[in-house]
């Protein structure tokens, strides 16, 4: 498909074409399969996928986070209250690896490993957002200096 819609509640995007909205009227009601939000989608309000871009499947980790947020009556886009800088990462470490390691401490809302724009290779640091300040403090205390992929993690509060 060359067009898509975005849920106004959780911001998840879905491939959708004009034909998917039926052959009568100006559009129809659609429902987000991630957060359950529904809205009237008009044919003339579809977004175009620009040249060189593609829709990618929302990772299961993000789908689960949105589901937990909706169940807890939080904003579906909420990722947490405690953002941490994580340095000295081995270049082989993935966001899933970091998620798994920090999940041992508490609920993780978001993980990002910073990569080089041209090569896509990890720059050796990233950010982990824990759901609560308490779990962020606990992660800071328990994971700073811990060996991870053969290197000692450097866990700090970010500068921003």
Protein backbone atom coordinates (compact mmCIF):
# COMPACT_ATOMS: atom_id res chain seq x y z
CA UNK A 1 0.00 0.00 0.00
CA UNK A 2 1.07 3.55 -0.67
CA UNK A 3 -1.11 5.17 2.00
CA UNK A 4 -1.58 4.84 5.76
CA UNK A 5 -3.47 6.16 8.78
CA UNK A 6 -2.22 6.94 12.29
CA UNK A 7 -4.11 6.31 15.52
CA UNK A 8 -4.72 9.60 17.31
CA UNK A 9 -4.43 7.93 20.71
CA UNK A 10 -1.28 5.78 20.57
CA UNK A 11 0.29 7.04 17.29
CA UNK A 12 0.53 3.56 15.75
CA UNK A 13 0.45 3.66 11.94
CA UNK A 14 -1.50 1.22 9.76
CA UNK A 15 -1.36 0.58 6.02
CA UNK A 16 -4.76 1.52 4.61
CA UNK A 17 -5.92 2.28 1.11
CA UNK A 18 -8.94 4.22 -0.08
CA UNK A 19 -10.57 0.94 -1.21
CA UNK A 20 -10.34 -0.38 2.37
CA UNK A 21 -12.81 2.32 3.43
CA UNK A 22 -15.64 0.81 1.39
CA UNK A 23 -17.22 1.92 -1.86
CA UNK A 24 -19.95 4.14 -0.38
CA UNK A 25 -19.65 7.49 1.32
CA UNK A 26 -16.62 9.55 2.23
CA UNK A 27 -15.00 7.02 4.59
CA UNK A 28 -15.80 4.77 7.54
CA UNK A 29 -15.09 4.01 11.16
CA UNK A 30 -11.77 2.23 11.84
CA UNK A 31 -10.34 0.82 15.05
CA UNK A 32 -6.75 0.61 16.28
CA UNK A 33 -5.81 -3.01 16.92
CA UNK A 34 -3.18 -1.92 19.47
CA UNK A 35 -5.03 0.42 21.87
CA UNK A 36 -8.68 -0.07 20.83
CA UNK A 37 -9.28 3.58 19.92
CA UNK A 38 -11.75 4.08 17.07
CA UNK A 39 -12.31 7.04 14.78
CA UNK A 40 -13.98 8.05 11.54
CA UNK A 41 -11.42 7.90 8.73
CA UNK A 42 -12.17 10.04 5.67
CA UNK A 43 -10.78 9.00 2.28
CA UNK A 44 -9.20 12.40 1.71
CA UNK A 45 -7.28 12.26 5.02
CA UNK A 46 -5.03 9.28 4.23
CA UNK A 47 -1.28 9.90 4.53
CA UNK A 48 1.02 9.11 1.59
CA UNK A 49 4.11 7.01 2.16
CA UNK A 50 6.95 9.07 0.74
CA UNK A 51 9.49 7.72 -1.72
CA UNK A 52 12.24 5.77 0.03
CA UNK A 53 10.13 5.10 3.15
CA UNK A 54 8.18 2.05 4.24
CA UNK A 55 5.88 1.04 7.08
CA UNK A 56 7.48 -1.42 9.49
CA UNK A 57 5.71 -3.64 11.98
CA UNK A 58 5.42 -2.18 15.48
CA UNK A 59 7.73 -4.25 17.71
CA UNK A 60 5.95 -6.56 20.15
CA UNK A 61 7.68 -4.79 23.07
CA UNK A 62 5.98 -1.52 22.05
CA UNK A 63 2.61 -3.21 21.51
CA UNK A 64 2.85 -4.71 25.01
CA UNK A 65 3.80 -1.34 26.54
CA UNK A 66 0.83 0.39 24.89
CA UNK A 67 -1.51 -2.38 26.08
CA UNK A 68 -0.20 -2.05 29.68
CA UNK A 69 -0.59 1.72 29.54
CA UNK A 70 -4.19 1.53 28.31
CA UNK A 71 -5.02 -1.06 31.01
CA UNK A 72 -3.48 1.22 33.68
CA UNK A 73 -5.37 4.27 32.30
CA UNK A 74 -2.11 6.01 31.29
CA UNK A 75 -1.37 7.82 28.06
CA UNK A 76 -0.63 5.01 25.54
CA UNK A 77 2.60 6.82 24.54
CA UNK A 78 3.95 6.92 28.12
CA UNK A 79 7.40 5.29 28.29
CA UNK A 80 8.41 6.08 31.85
CA UNK A 81 9.67 8.58 34.38
CA UNK A 82 13.35 7.63 34.67
CA UNK A 83 15.58 8.01 31.60
CA UNK A 84 19.11 6.63 31.98
CA UNK A 85 22.25 6.96 29.88
CA UNK A 86 23.94 3.59 29.29
CA UNK A 87 27.51 3.73 28.05
CA UNK A 88 30.41 1.40 27.26
CA UNK A 89 28.15 -0.91 25.25
CA UNK A 90 29.67 -3.64 23.14
CA UNK A 91 28.85 -3.03 19.46
CA UNK A 92 27.11 -6.42 19.28
CA UNK A 93 24.58 -5.53 22.01
CA UNK A 94 21.04 -4.97 20.75
CA UNK A 95 18.13 -2.99 22.11
CA UNK A 96 16.46 -6.31 22.94
CA UNK A 97 19.53 -7.35 24.97
CA UNK A 98 19.42 -4.09 26.96
CA UNK A 99 15.66 -4.42 27.44
CA UNK A 100 16.12 -7.91 28.85
CA UNK A 101 18.93 -6.85 31.21
CA UNK A 102 17.11 -3.81 32.60
CA UNK A 103 13.81 -5.75 32.87
CA UNK A 104 15.45 -7.81 35.62
CA UNK A 105 15.35 -4.63 37.73
CA UNK A 106 11.92 -3.23 36.83
CA UNK A 107 9.49 -2.37 34.07
CA UNK A 108 11.20 -0.88 31.01
CA UNK A 109 9.34 1.60 28.83
CA UNK A 110 11.84 2.34 26.08
CA UNK A 111 15.33 1.39 24.90
CA UNK A 112 17.36 3.18 22.23
CA UNK A 113 20.91 2.40 21.14
CA UNK A 114 22.43 5.37 19.32
CA UNK A 115 23.76 4.45 15.88
CA UNK A 116 25.86 6.12 13.21
CA UNK A 117 23.62 7.67 10.54
CA UNK A 118 25.74 6.46 7.64
CA UNK A 119 26.82 2.97 8.73
CA UNK A 120 24.00 2.05 11.11
CA UNK A 121 26.64 0.75 13.54
CA UNK A 122 26.19 1.28 17.27
CA UNK A 123 28.10 4.21 18.77
CA UNK A 124 28.51 2.24 22.00
CA UNK A 125 25.91 4.04 24.10
CA UNK A 126 22.19 4.38 24.43
CA UNK A 127 19.28 5.28 26.66
CA UNK A 128 16.91 3.17 28.74
CA UNK A 129 13.72 4.61 30.21
CA UNK A 130 12.35 2.84 33.27
CA UNK A 131 8.64 3.21 34.09
CA UNK A 132 9.15 4.54 37.63
CA UNK A 133 11.74 6.75 39.29
CA UNK A 134 12.24 4.00 41.90
CA UNK A 135 13.09 1.39 39.27
CA UNK A 136 15.39 3.94 37.57
CA UNK A 137 17.28 4.52 40.83
CA UNK A 138 17.45 0.77 41.41
CA UNK A 139 18.81 0.18 37.89
CA UNK A 140 21.39 2.93 38.41
CA UNK A 141 22.57 1.33 41.67
CA UNK A 142 22.50 -2.30 40.53
CA UNK A 143 23.65 -2.12 36.90
CA UNK A 144 26.37 0.54 36.91
CA UNK A 145 29.64 -1.36 36.52
CA UNK A 146 27.96 -4.71 35.78
CA UNK A 147 29.57 -6.83 33.05
CA UNK A 148 27.44 -6.94 29.91
CA UNK A 149 28.73 -8.56 26.71
CA UNK A 150 32.25 -8.56 28.20
CA UNK A 151 32.24 -4.84 29.09
CA UNK A 152 31.32 -2.97 32.28
CA UNK A 153 28.17 -0.88 31.84
CA UNK A 154 28.32 2.82 32.60
CA UNK A 155 24.83 3.75 33.84
CA UNK A 156 24.16 7.42 34.64
CA UNK A 157 21.43 10.02 34.61
CA UNK A 158 21.47 11.73 31.18
CA UNK A 159 22.86 15.26 30.78
CA UNK A 160 19.64 16.65 29.26
